[in-house]
N, C-alpha and C. Protein backbone atom coordinates (compact mmCIF):
# COMPACT_ATOMS: atom_id res chain seq x y z
N MET A 1 0.85 -1.18 0.00
CA MET A 1 0.00 0.00 0.00
C MET A 1 0.89 1.24 0.00
N SER A 2 0.52 2.22 -0.75
CA SER A 2 1.34 3.42 -0.85
C SER A 2 1.24 4.28 0.40
N LYS A 3 2.14 5.24 0.51
CA LYS A 3 2.14 6.15 1.66
C LYS A 3 0.83 6.92 1.76
N ASN A 4 0.16 7.14 0.63
CA ASN A 4 -1.08 7.90 0.63
C ASN A 4 -2.24 7.13 1.26
N HIS A 5 -2.06 5.85 1.48
CA HIS A 5 -3.16 5.03 1.97
C HIS A 5 -2.81 4.39 3.32
N VAL A 6 -2.22 5.15 4.21
CA VAL A 6 -1.89 4.66 5.54
C VAL A 6 -3.17 4.53 6.35
N ILE A 7 -3.35 3.40 6.98
CA ILE A 7 -4.55 3.15 7.77
C ILE A 7 -4.36 3.70 9.18
N ASP A 8 -5.32 4.50 9.64
CA ASP A 8 -5.27 5.08 10.98
C ASP A 8 -5.82 4.05 11.97
N LYS A 9 -4.93 3.39 12.70
CA LYS A 9 -5.34 2.36 13.65
C LYS A 9 -5.62 2.94 15.03
N THR A 10 -5.53 4.26 15.19
CA THR A 10 -5.74 4.87 16.50
C THR A 10 -7.21 5.11 16.79
N ASN A 11 -8.07 5.22 15.77
CA ASN A 11 -9.48 5.48 15.97
C ASN A 11 -10.23 4.15 16.10
N LYS A 12 -10.36 3.67 17.32
CA LYS A 12 -10.99 2.37 17.55
C LYS A 12 -12.51 2.46 17.65
N ASP A 13 -13.08 3.68 17.59
CA ASP A 13 -14.53 3.84 17.66
C ASP A 13 -15.22 3.52 16.34
N ILE A 14 -14.48 3.51 15.26
CA ILE A 14 -15.07 3.28 13.95
C ILE A 14 -14.90 1.82 13.57
N LEU A 15 -16.02 1.15 13.30
CA LEU A 15 -15.94 -0.22 12.81
C LEU A 15 -15.53 -0.18 11.35
N ARG A 16 -14.67 -1.09 10.97
CA ARG A 16 -14.15 -1.08 9.60
C ARG A 16 -14.31 -2.43 8.95
N VAL A 17 -14.49 -2.41 7.65
CA VAL A 17 -14.50 -3.61 6.82
C VAL A 17 -13.61 -3.32 5.63
N ALA A 18 -12.77 -4.28 5.28
CA ALA A 18 -11.93 -4.15 4.10
C ALA A 18 -12.14 -5.38 3.23
N VAL A 19 -12.32 -5.16 1.95
CA VAL A 19 -12.53 -6.25 1.00
C VAL A 19 -11.45 -6.14 -0.06
N ILE A 20 -10.79 -7.24 -0.34
CA ILE A 20 -9.77 -7.27 -1.38
C ILE A 20 -10.35 -7.97 -2.60
N ILE A 21 -10.27 -7.29 -3.75
CA ILE A 21 -10.80 -7.82 -4.99
C ILE A 21 -9.66 -7.90 -6.00
N GLU A 22 -9.46 -9.08 -6.55
CA GLU A 22 -8.45 -9.27 -7.59
C GLU A 22 -9.14 -9.74 -8.86
N GLU A 23 -8.92 -9.01 -9.94
CA GLU A 23 -9.50 -9.38 -11.23
C GLU A 23 -11.01 -9.57 -11.15
N GLY A 24 -11.67 -8.72 -10.35
CA GLY A 24 -13.12 -8.78 -10.23
C GLY A 24 -13.64 -9.85 -9.30
N ILE A 25 -12.75 -10.58 -8.63
CA ILE A 25 -13.16 -11.66 -7.73
C ILE A 25 -12.71 -11.32 -6.31
N ILE A 26 -13.63 -11.44 -5.36
CA ILE A 26 -13.28 -11.17 -3.96
C ILE A 26 -12.36 -12.27 -3.47
N SER A 27 -11.18 -11.87 -3.00
CA SER A 27 -10.22 -12.86 -2.53
C SER A 27 -10.09 -12.85 -1.01
N ALA A 28 -10.51 -11.77 -0.35
CA ALA A 28 -10.42 -11.72 1.11
C ALA A 28 -11.31 -10.61 1.65
N ALA A 29 -11.76 -10.77 2.89
CA ALA A 29 -12.52 -9.74 3.59
C ALA A 29 -12.05 -9.71 5.04
N TYR A 30 -11.91 -8.50 5.57
CA TYR A 30 -11.44 -8.30 6.94
C TYR A 30 -12.38 -7.34 7.65
N SER A 31 -12.54 -7.53 8.96
CA SER A 31 -13.44 -6.68 9.73
C SER A 31 -12.81 -6.37 11.08
N SER A 32 -13.14 -5.19 11.60
CA SER A 32 -12.64 -4.81 12.92
C SER A 32 -13.50 -5.40 14.03
N THR A 33 -14.53 -6.14 13.67
CA THR A 33 -15.36 -6.81 14.66
C THR A 33 -15.76 -8.18 14.12
N GLU A 34 -15.96 -9.12 15.02
CA GLU A 34 -16.36 -10.46 14.59
C GLU A 34 -17.86 -10.53 14.33
N ASN A 35 -18.61 -9.65 14.92
CA ASN A 35 -20.07 -9.70 14.84
C ASN A 35 -20.57 -8.85 13.67
N ILE A 36 -20.30 -9.30 12.46
CA ILE A 36 -20.70 -8.54 11.29
C ILE A 36 -20.99 -9.50 10.14
N LYS A 37 -21.99 -9.17 9.38
CA LYS A 37 -22.28 -9.92 8.16
C LYS A 37 -22.00 -8.98 7.00
N LEU A 38 -21.10 -9.37 6.15
CA LEU A 38 -20.70 -8.55 5.02
C LEU A 38 -21.46 -9.00 3.78
N GLU A 39 -22.14 -8.07 3.14
CA GLU A 39 -22.85 -8.35 1.90
C GLU A 39 -22.19 -7.53 0.80
N ILE A 40 -21.78 -8.19 -0.25
CA ILE A 40 -21.19 -7.51 -1.39
C ILE A 40 -22.05 -7.83 -2.59
N VAL A 41 -22.52 -6.78 -3.25
CA VAL A 41 -23.39 -6.94 -4.41
C VAL A 41 -22.66 -6.35 -5.61
N GLU A 42 -22.40 -7.16 -6.61
CA GLU A 42 -21.77 -6.66 -7.82
C GLU A 42 -22.84 -6.45 -8.87
N LEU A 43 -22.93 -5.24 -9.35
CA LEU A 43 -23.94 -4.89 -10.35
C LEU A 43 -23.24 -4.59 -11.68
N ASP A 44 -22.94 -5.63 -12.40
CA ASP A 44 -22.24 -5.50 -13.67
C ASP A 44 -23.25 -5.32 -14.79
N LYS A 45 -23.11 -4.25 -15.54
CA LYS A 45 -24.08 -3.95 -16.60
C LYS A 45 -24.05 -4.99 -17.72
N ASP A 46 -23.02 -5.84 -17.75
CA ASP A 46 -22.96 -6.88 -18.77
C ASP A 46 -23.93 -8.02 -18.50
N TYR A 47 -24.35 -8.20 -17.26
CA TYR A 47 -25.29 -9.30 -16.99
C TYR A 47 -26.45 -8.93 -16.09
N ALA A 48 -26.46 -7.78 -15.48
CA ALA A 48 -27.60 -7.33 -14.66
C ALA A 48 -28.32 -6.21 -15.40
N SER A 49 -29.60 -6.38 -15.58
CA SER A 49 -30.37 -5.35 -16.28
C SER A 49 -30.47 -4.09 -15.43
N ILE A 50 -30.88 -3.00 -16.05
CA ILE A 50 -31.07 -1.74 -15.32
C ILE A 50 -32.12 -1.92 -14.24
N GLU A 51 -33.13 -2.72 -14.51
CA GLU A 51 -34.18 -2.98 -13.51
C GLU A 51 -33.60 -3.73 -12.32
N GLU A 52 -32.74 -4.72 -12.58
CA GLU A 52 -32.12 -5.48 -11.48
C GLU A 52 -31.18 -4.60 -10.67
N ARG A 53 -30.45 -3.75 -11.35
CA ARG A 53 -29.53 -2.85 -10.63
C ARG A 53 -30.32 -1.86 -9.79
N ASN A 54 -31.36 -1.28 -10.35
CA ASN A 54 -32.20 -0.34 -9.59
C ASN A 54 -32.87 -1.03 -8.40
N ALA A 55 -33.31 -2.27 -8.59
CA ALA A 55 -33.96 -3.02 -7.51
C ALA A 55 -32.98 -3.28 -6.36
N ALA A 56 -31.73 -3.51 -6.68
CA ALA A 56 -30.73 -3.74 -5.63
C ALA A 56 -30.56 -2.48 -4.78
N TYR A 57 -30.40 -1.33 -5.43
CA TYR A 57 -30.27 -0.08 -4.68
C TYR A 57 -31.54 0.21 -3.87
N GLU A 58 -32.69 0.00 -4.47
CA GLU A 58 -33.95 0.26 -3.77
C GLU A 58 -34.09 -0.64 -2.54
N SER A 59 -33.70 -1.90 -2.68
CA SER A 59 -33.77 -2.84 -1.56
C SER A 59 -32.92 -2.37 -0.38
N TYR A 60 -31.69 -1.94 -0.65
CA TYR A 60 -30.82 -1.48 0.43
C TYR A 60 -31.25 -0.12 0.98
N ASN A 61 -31.78 0.74 0.12
CA ASN A 61 -32.26 2.04 0.59
C ASN A 61 -33.47 1.89 1.52
N LYS A 62 -34.26 0.86 1.33
CA LYS A 62 -35.44 0.63 2.16
C LYS A 62 -35.15 -0.19 3.42
N ASP A 63 -33.98 -0.78 3.50
CA ASP A 63 -33.62 -1.62 4.65
C ASP A 63 -33.34 -0.73 5.85
N ILE A 64 -34.23 -0.75 6.85
CA ILE A 64 -34.09 0.15 8.00
C ILE A 64 -32.91 -0.23 8.91
N ALA A 65 -32.38 -1.44 8.74
CA ALA A 65 -31.24 -1.85 9.56
C ALA A 65 -29.92 -1.30 9.01
N LEU A 66 -29.96 -0.74 7.80
CA LEU A 66 -28.74 -0.25 7.16
C LEU A 66 -28.86 1.23 6.85
N SER A 67 -27.74 1.90 6.83
CA SER A 67 -27.72 3.29 6.38
C SER A 67 -26.48 3.48 5.51
N PRO A 68 -26.56 4.38 4.56
CA PRO A 68 -25.39 4.63 3.72
C PRO A 68 -24.20 5.07 4.56
N CYS A 69 -23.01 4.70 4.14
CA CYS A 69 -21.82 5.10 4.88
C CYS A 69 -20.72 5.49 3.91
N GLU A 70 -19.76 6.20 4.44
CA GLU A 70 -18.63 6.60 3.63
C GLU A 70 -17.77 5.38 3.34
N TYR A 71 -17.08 5.43 2.23
CA TYR A 71 -16.14 4.37 1.90
C TYR A 71 -14.94 4.99 1.17
N GLU A 72 -13.88 4.24 1.14
CA GLU A 72 -12.68 4.68 0.46
C GLU A 72 -12.30 3.61 -0.55
N LEU A 73 -12.10 4.00 -1.79
CA LEU A 73 -11.66 3.09 -2.83
C LEU A 73 -10.15 3.24 -2.98
N ILE A 74 -9.44 2.15 -2.76
CA ILE A 74 -7.99 2.16 -2.83
C ILE A 74 -7.57 1.31 -4.02
N LEU A 75 -6.79 1.91 -4.90
CA LEU A 75 -6.33 1.24 -6.11
C LEU A 75 -4.80 1.26 -6.15
N PRO A 76 -4.14 0.34 -5.42
CA PRO A 76 -2.68 0.35 -5.41
C PRO A 76 -2.11 0.23 -6.82
N GLY A 77 -1.20 1.12 -7.16
CA GLY A 77 -0.54 1.09 -8.46
C GLY A 77 -1.29 1.79 -9.57
N TYR A 78 -2.54 2.16 -9.36
CA TYR A 78 -3.35 2.75 -10.42
C TYR A 78 -2.77 4.09 -10.90
N TYR A 79 -2.51 4.99 -9.98
CA TYR A 79 -2.02 6.30 -10.37
C TYR A 79 -0.62 6.21 -10.99
N GLU A 80 0.19 5.28 -10.49
CA GLU A 80 1.50 5.08 -11.07
C GLU A 80 1.37 4.58 -12.50
N SER A 81 0.39 3.72 -12.78
CA SER A 81 0.21 3.21 -14.14
C SER A 81 -0.24 4.32 -15.08
N LEU A 82 -1.03 5.27 -14.57
CA LEU A 82 -1.45 6.41 -15.40
C LEU A 82 -0.25 7.27 -15.79
N GLU A 83 0.66 7.45 -14.83
CA GLU A 83 1.85 8.24 -15.11
C GLU A 83 2.71 7.56 -16.17
N LEU A 84 2.80 6.25 -16.13
CA LEU A 84 3.58 5.52 -17.13
C LEU A 84 2.95 5.65 -18.51
N GLU A 85 1.62 5.62 -18.59
CA GLU A 85 0.93 5.76 -19.87
C GLU A 85 1.15 7.16 -20.45
N GLU A 86 1.18 8.18 -19.60
CA GLU A 86 1.39 9.55 -20.07
C GLU A 86 2.80 9.74 -20.63
N GLU A 87 3.77 8.97 -20.11
CA GLU A 87 5.15 9.11 -20.57
C GLU A 87 5.35 8.50 -21.95
N LYS A 88 4.48 7.62 -22.38
CA LYS A 88 4.64 6.95 -23.69
C LYS A 88 4.43 7.89 -24.83
């Protein structure tokens, strides 16, 4: 992980979940608590219709046990690869 993505381990009040995806496949999931059920929904436009994708969002928006939360997308090496492409 690059210096820009240092994890702050001092804030223990925030529950965290991390999911590692390689080539579109989930390879690992980590949580700061054992008492959690992680649901990952992939809505790929190549096989899920617009109606199915909308239904997924609607289902989670109506679920009173859940609320939207902030997330961080980390792409190790992505920005470096862009710089290499610009140099060509």
